[in-house]
Amino acid sequence: MDVLETTKGAQKVRMVRITEGVRSDAEDSVVEEAPLTIVLDNQELVTMLCSPIDLKDLVVGYLFSEGFLKARGEIRKVLVDDRRGIAWVETRQGKGADPGLLSKRLITSGCGRGASFYSLSDSQVDMKIDSQFKMLASDLLALVAEFQHASELHKVTHGVHSAALCDARQILMFADDVGRHNTIDKIIGRCILTDVPAEEHGLIFSGRISSEMLLKAARRGFPVLISVASPTNVAVRMANDIGMTMVGMVRGKRMNVYSGDWRIVTDEG
């Protein structure tokens, strides 16, 4: 099928629609998907599939959430070539990736088959969430309702995941991507690049809460992780171990709080 004009994050394609056995020529908008190779200190690290938007946020967030970088000050330069699909990152130390991290490469669950660099033993690391951040249950429900209607790209293509940063009452940042892992990395990267701390914010996203998703959020220190979908058993265990509040299956006026329920305030207290 021919590809027609391109809009940000989506392309229109010609297609044939069949309705009740009747064929007709039509157009549809589909989400863009492109490879992005990250080169860290002249060392090719990983090639991921992603939506080719907000790529600097994605690169920085990925490197931090996977443990390759610890602080913004370690970054000397980030250059992204959108056309070639390559991102070069130079650090002040110039040492590249820790071989110990590279040995942990894992193909993660879910769409996009993301590459993650951790093992379940990482959950035993002393990673505790001490934030006193709280949210009213009614405000959380309102934020998720707003979140579910915020993505223009999803309205056009129905083919992306989304993530958002929120405080107790409003959405502050929003990101779309074909990969659910990438949406969280984009939010993390934007927080790092704009010096927004995680301790007094929640993270909302549209995908299943698996262990690697929880670790991404935990490494940045988000106290509340919210999803319209369900968690895995390992994610629930890890959230309880580290003191993170995990809220899933947020639908209408209902939510399931799988850990840290004291941060979600109701009329009953």
Protein backbone atom coordinates (compact mmCIF):
# COMPACT_ATOMS: atom_id res chain seq x y z
CA MET A 1 0.00 0.00 0.00
CA ASP A 2 1.23 3.53 -0.73
CA VAL A 3 2.27 5.82 2.10
CA LEU A 4 0.78 9.30 1.89
CA GLU A 5 1.54 12.49 3.82
CA THR A 6 3.23 12.21 7.21
CA THR A 7 2.12 13.84 10.46
CA LYS A 8 4.10 13.82 13.68
CA GLY A 9 4.19 10.25 14.92
CA ALA A 10 1.77 8.92 12.29
CA GLN A 11 1.46 8.29 8.57
CA LYS A 12 -1.57 7.97 6.32
CA VAL A 13 -1.66 4.87 4.15
CA ARG A 14 -3.99 3.69 1.43
CA MET A 15 -5.90 0.51 2.20
CA VAL A 16 -8.90 -1.57 1.19
CA ARG A 17 -11.74 -1.69 3.72
CA ILE A 18 -14.11 -4.66 3.63
CA THR A 19 -17.45 -4.15 5.36
CA GLU A 20 -20.04 -6.93 5.23
CA GLY A 21 -18.29 -8.37 2.19
CA VAL A 22 -18.15 -5.06 0.30
CA ARG A 23 -14.72 -3.68 -0.67
CA SER A 24 -13.89 0.03 -0.83
CA ASP A 25 -10.72 2.09 -1.20
CA ALA A 26 -9.91 4.12 1.91
CA GLU A 27 -7.14 5.73 3.94
CA ASP A 28 -6.03 5.10 7.51
CA SER A 29 -3.53 6.67 9.89
CA VAL A 30 -0.96 4.27 11.31
CA VAL A 31 1.67 4.93 13.95
CA GLU A 32 5.29 5.37 12.86
CA GLU A 33 7.84 2.84 14.07
CA ALA A 34 11.58 3.27 13.60
CA PRO A 35 14.84 1.78 14.92
CA LEU A 36 17.03 3.89 17.17
CA THR A 37 20.61 2.85 17.95
CA ILE A 38 22.19 4.29 21.10
CA VAL A 39 25.96 4.72 21.04
CA LEU A 40 27.44 5.39 24.47
CA ASP A 41 31.02 6.75 24.46
CA ASN A 42 31.61 5.27 20.98
CA GLN A 43 30.27 1.88 22.11
CA GLU A 44 27.13 0.65 20.36
CA LEU A 45 24.82 -0.25 23.20
CA VAL A 46 21.38 -1.21 21.91
CA THR A 47 18.97 -0.77 19.00
CA MET A 48 15.36 -0.32 20.00
CA LEU A 49 12.12 0.12 18.09
CA CYS A 50 10.28 3.29 19.00
CA SER A 51 8.10 6.16 17.85
CA PRO A 52 10.51 8.71 16.33
CA ILE A 53 9.39 11.59 18.58
CA ASP A 54 10.95 12.98 21.77
CA LEU A 55 14.05 10.90 21.08
CA LYS A 56 16.42 12.85 23.33
CA ASP A 57 14.07 12.25 26.25
CA LEU A 58 13.95 8.56 25.35
CA VAL A 59 17.72 8.16 25.14
CA VAL A 60 18.45 9.92 28.43
CA GLY A 61 15.61 8.14 30.23
CA TYR A 62 16.69 4.75 28.93
CA LEU A 63 20.29 5.19 30.04
CA PHE A 64 19.23 6.27 33.52
CA SER A 65 16.46 3.71 34.05
CA GLU A 66 18.75 0.88 32.93
CA GLY A 67 21.57 1.97 35.23
CA PHE A 68 24.13 3.22 32.69
CA LEU A 69 24.00 6.76 34.10
CA LYS A 70 23.43 7.90 37.68
CA ALA A 71 23.27 11.71 37.49
CA ARG A 72 22.61 14.38 34.87
CA GLY A 73 26.06 15.80 35.47
CA GLU A 74 27.62 12.67 33.98
CA ILE A 75 26.32 13.65 30.53
CA ARG A 76 28.64 15.72 28.36
CA LYS A 77 26.67 15.69 25.11
CA VAL A 78 23.63 14.04 23.48
CA LEU A 79 23.27 14.17 19.69
CA VAL A 80 20.32 12.55 17.91
CA ASP A 81 20.18 12.01 14.14
CA ASP A 82 16.48 11.45 13.47
CA ARG A 83 17.02 10.58 9.81
CA ARG A 84 19.65 7.88 10.42
CA GLY A 85 18.13 6.68 13.68
CA ILE A 86 21.31 7.04 15.75
CA ALA A 87 21.88 8.74 19.10
CA TRP A 88 25.40 9.48 20.35
CA VAL A 89 25.90 10.05 24.06
CA GLU A 90 29.20 11.27 25.47
CA THR A 91 29.85 11.10 29.20
CA ARG A 92 32.37 13.15 31.14
CA GLN A 93 34.15 9.97 32.23
CA GLY A 94 34.16 8.54 28.70
CA LYS A 95 34.24 4.95 29.93
CA GLY A 96 31.19 3.61 28.13
CA ALA A 97 28.99 0.85 29.51
CA ASP A 98 29.87 -1.23 32.55
CA PRO A 99 30.59 -4.79 31.29
CA GLY A 100 28.74 -6.12 34.32
CA LEU A 101 25.55 -4.43 33.17
CA LEU A 102 25.95 -5.66 29.60
CA SER A 103 26.09 -9.24 30.84
CA LYS A 104 22.55 -8.84 32.22
CA ARG A 105 20.85 -8.09 28.88
CA LEU A 106 17.27 -9.35 28.89
CA ILE A 107 14.51 -9.33 26.27
CA THR A 108 11.57 -7.92 28.19
CA SER A 109 7.91 -8.89 28.10
CA GLY A 110 5.21 -7.11 26.16
CA CYS A 111 5.04 -5.17 22.94
CA GLY A 112 8.23 -3.95 21.32
CA ARG A 113 10.39 -6.66 22.96
CA GLY A 114 12.48 -4.04 24.71
CA ALA A 115 16.04 -4.70 25.82
CA SER A 116 16.58 -4.31 29.55
CA PHE A 117 19.77 -4.66 31.58
CA TYR A 118 18.81 -6.10 34.95
CA SER A 119 18.12 -9.37 36.69
CA LEU A 120 15.56 -10.22 39.35
CA SER A 121 18.38 -10.09 41.89
CA ASP A 122 18.30 -6.31 41.40
CA SER A 123 15.11 -6.32 43.48
CA GLN A 124 17.22 -7.30 46.47
CA VAL A 125 19.21 -4.06 46.24
CA ASP A 126 18.54 -1.55 49.02
CA MET A 127 16.04 0.48 46.99
CA LYS A 128 13.47 2.06 49.28
CA ILE A 129 10.85 4.69 48.51
CA ASP A 130 10.55 7.00 51.54
CA SER A 131 8.42 9.79 50.03
CA GLN A 132 5.41 11.00 52.04
CA PHE A 133 3.60 11.99 48.83
CA LYS A 134 -0.14 11.22 48.93
CA MET A 135 -3.07 11.49 46.51
CA LEU A 136 -6.80 11.74 47.03
CA ALA A 137 -8.54 8.77 45.46
CA SER A 138 -11.04 11.08 43.74
CA ASP A 139 -8.23 13.17 42.23
CA LEU A 140 -6.43 10.02 41.04
CA LEU A 141 -9.55 8.83 39.23
CA ALA A 142 -9.98 12.24 37.60
CA LEU A 143 -6.33 12.29 36.48
CA VAL A 144 -6.59 8.85 34.90
CA ALA A 145 -9.80 9.86 33.10
CA GLU A 146 -7.96 12.90 31.71
CA PHE A 147 -4.94 10.75 30.84
CA GLN A 148 -7.05 8.32 28.79
CA HIS A 149 -8.24 11.14 26.52
CA ALA A 150 -4.98 13.12 26.31
CA SER A 151 -3.21 11.34 23.45
CA GLU A 152 -3.97 12.84 20.06
CA LEU A 153 -1.71 10.23 18.45
CA HIS A 154 -3.76 7.42 19.99
CA LYS A 155 -6.99 9.01 18.79
CA VAL A 156 -5.61 9.02 15.24
CA THR A 157 -3.87 5.62 15.16
CA HIS A 158 -5.07 3.54 18.15
CA GLY A 159 -1.53 2.16 18.09
CA VAL A 160 0.50 3.72 20.91
CA HIS A 161 1.04 3.47 24.64
CA SER A 162 1.22 6.58 26.80
CA ALA A 163 2.76 7.71 30.07
CA ALA A 164 2.37 10.87 32.13
CA LEU A 165 3.91 12.62 35.10
CA CYS A 166 1.44 14.05 37.60
CA ASP A 167 1.40 15.78 40.94
CA ALA A 168 -1.50 15.27 43.33
CA ARG A 169 -3.93 17.20 41.12
CA GLN A 170 -2.72 17.68 37.54
CA ILE A 171 -0.85 16.09 34.65
CA LEU A 172 2.50 17.82 34.08
CA MET A 173 4.16 15.81 31.28
CA PHE A 174 2.89 13.39 28.64
CA ALA A 175 4.58 10.98 26.22
CA ASP A 176 3.51 8.52 23.51
CA ASP A 177 5.36 5.59 21.95
CA VAL A 178 4.76 2.27 20.21
CA GLY A 179 6.62 0.61 23.12
CA ARG A 180 5.23 0.82 26.64
CA HIS A 181 8.75 0.72 28.10
CA ASN A 182 9.71 3.71 25.97
CA THR A 183 6.90 5.89 27.31
CA ILE A 184 8.23 5.64 30.85
CA ASP A 185 11.80 6.26 29.66
CA LYS A 186 10.63 9.40 27.85
CA ILE A 187 9.05 10.77 31.03
CA ILE A 188 12.12 9.87 33.08
CA GLY A 189 14.41 11.50 30.52
CA ARG A 190 12.37 14.71 30.42
CA CYS A 191 12.36 14.87 34.23
CA ILE A 192 16.15 14.52 34.28
CA LEU A 193 16.74 17.09 31.54
CA THR A 194 14.44 19.63 33.21
CA ASP A 195 15.52 18.89 36.80
CA VAL A 196 12.09 17.71 37.96
CA PRO A 197 12.39 15.46 41.06
CA ALA A 198 10.36 12.27 41.23
CA GLU A 199 9.72 12.18 44.97
CA GLU A 200 6.58 14.36 44.93
CA HIS A 201 5.05 12.99 41.73
CA GLY A 202 3.15 10.01 40.41
CA LEU A 203 3.67 8.14 37.16
CA ILE A 204 0.65 7.09 35.08
CA PHE A 205 0.88 4.75 32.11
CA SER A 206 -1.29 2.63 29.89
CA GLY A 207 0.42 -0.75 29.96
CA ARG A 208 0.65 -3.77 32.22
CA ILE A 209 2.82 -3.25 35.33
CA SER A 210 5.54 -5.87 34.97
CA SER A 211 8.70 -6.12 37.06
CA GLU A 212 10.92 -4.27 34.59
CA MET A 213 8.42 -1.41 34.37
CA LEU A 214 8.36 -1.13 38.13
CA LEU A 215 12.16 -1.12 38.31
CA LYS A 216 12.35 1.75 35.83
CA ALA A 217 10.04 3.83 38.03
CA ALA A 218 11.73 2.73 41.25
CA ARG A 219 15.23 3.64 40.09
CA ARG A 220 14.04 7.20 39.56
CA GLY A 221 12.22 7.21 42.92
CA PHE A 222 8.57 7.62 41.93
CA PRO A 223 6.44 6.90 45.02
CA VAL A 224 3.22 6.14 43.09
CA LEU A 225 2.84 4.07 39.93
CA ILE A 226 -0.60 4.03 38.32
CA SER A 227 -1.96 2.02 35.40
CA VAL A 228 -5.27 1.27 33.74
CA ALA A 229 -4.01 -2.31 33.37
CA SER A 230 -3.04 -5.06 35.81
CA PRO A 231 0.31 -5.90 37.47
CA THR A 232 2.29 -9.15 37.54
CA ASN A 233 2.85 -11.05 40.78
CA VAL A 234 6.57 -10.20 40.80
CA ALA A 235 5.81 -6.50 40.38
CA VAL A 236 3.40 -6.60 43.32
CA ARG A 237 5.99 -8.31 45.53
CA MET A 238 8.71 -5.86 44.55
CA ALA A 239 6.47 -2.83 45.10
CA ASN A 240 5.69 -4.02 48.62
CA ASP A 241 9.37 -4.71 49.30
CA ILE A 242 10.55 -1.24 48.30
CA GLY A 243 7.61 0.77 49.64
CA MET A 244 6.13 1.94 46.35
CA THR A 245 2.40 2.51 45.96
CA MET A 246 1.08 0.54 42.99
CA VAL A 247 -2.41 1.24 41.65
CA GLY A 248 -3.85 -0.80 38.80
CA MET A 249 -7.07 -1.52 36.97
CA VAL A 250 -8.22 2.09 37.27
CA ARG A 251 -11.60 2.07 35.55
CA GLY A 252 -14.42 4.56 36.05
CA LYS A 253 -14.82 5.00 39.81
CA ARG A 254 -12.80 1.93 40.79
CA MET A 255 -9.13 1.12 41.36
CA ASN A 256 -7.07 -1.69 42.87
CA VAL A 257 -4.28 -0.63 45.24
CA TYR A 258 -1.79 -3.50 45.33
CA SER A 259 0.80 -1.91 47.65
CA GLY A 260 1.33 1.20 49.74
CA ASP A 261 -2.37 1.95 50.13
CA TRP A 262 -1.63 4.59 52.82
CA ARG A 263 -0.63 7.04 50.07
CA ILE A 264 -4.13 6.90 48.55
CA VAL A 265 -6.44 8.95 50.75
CA THR A 266 -10.20 8.29 50.83
CA ASP A 267 -13.07 9.84 52.76
CA GLU A 268 -12.62 7.06 55.29
CA GLY A 269 -9.01 8.17 55.88
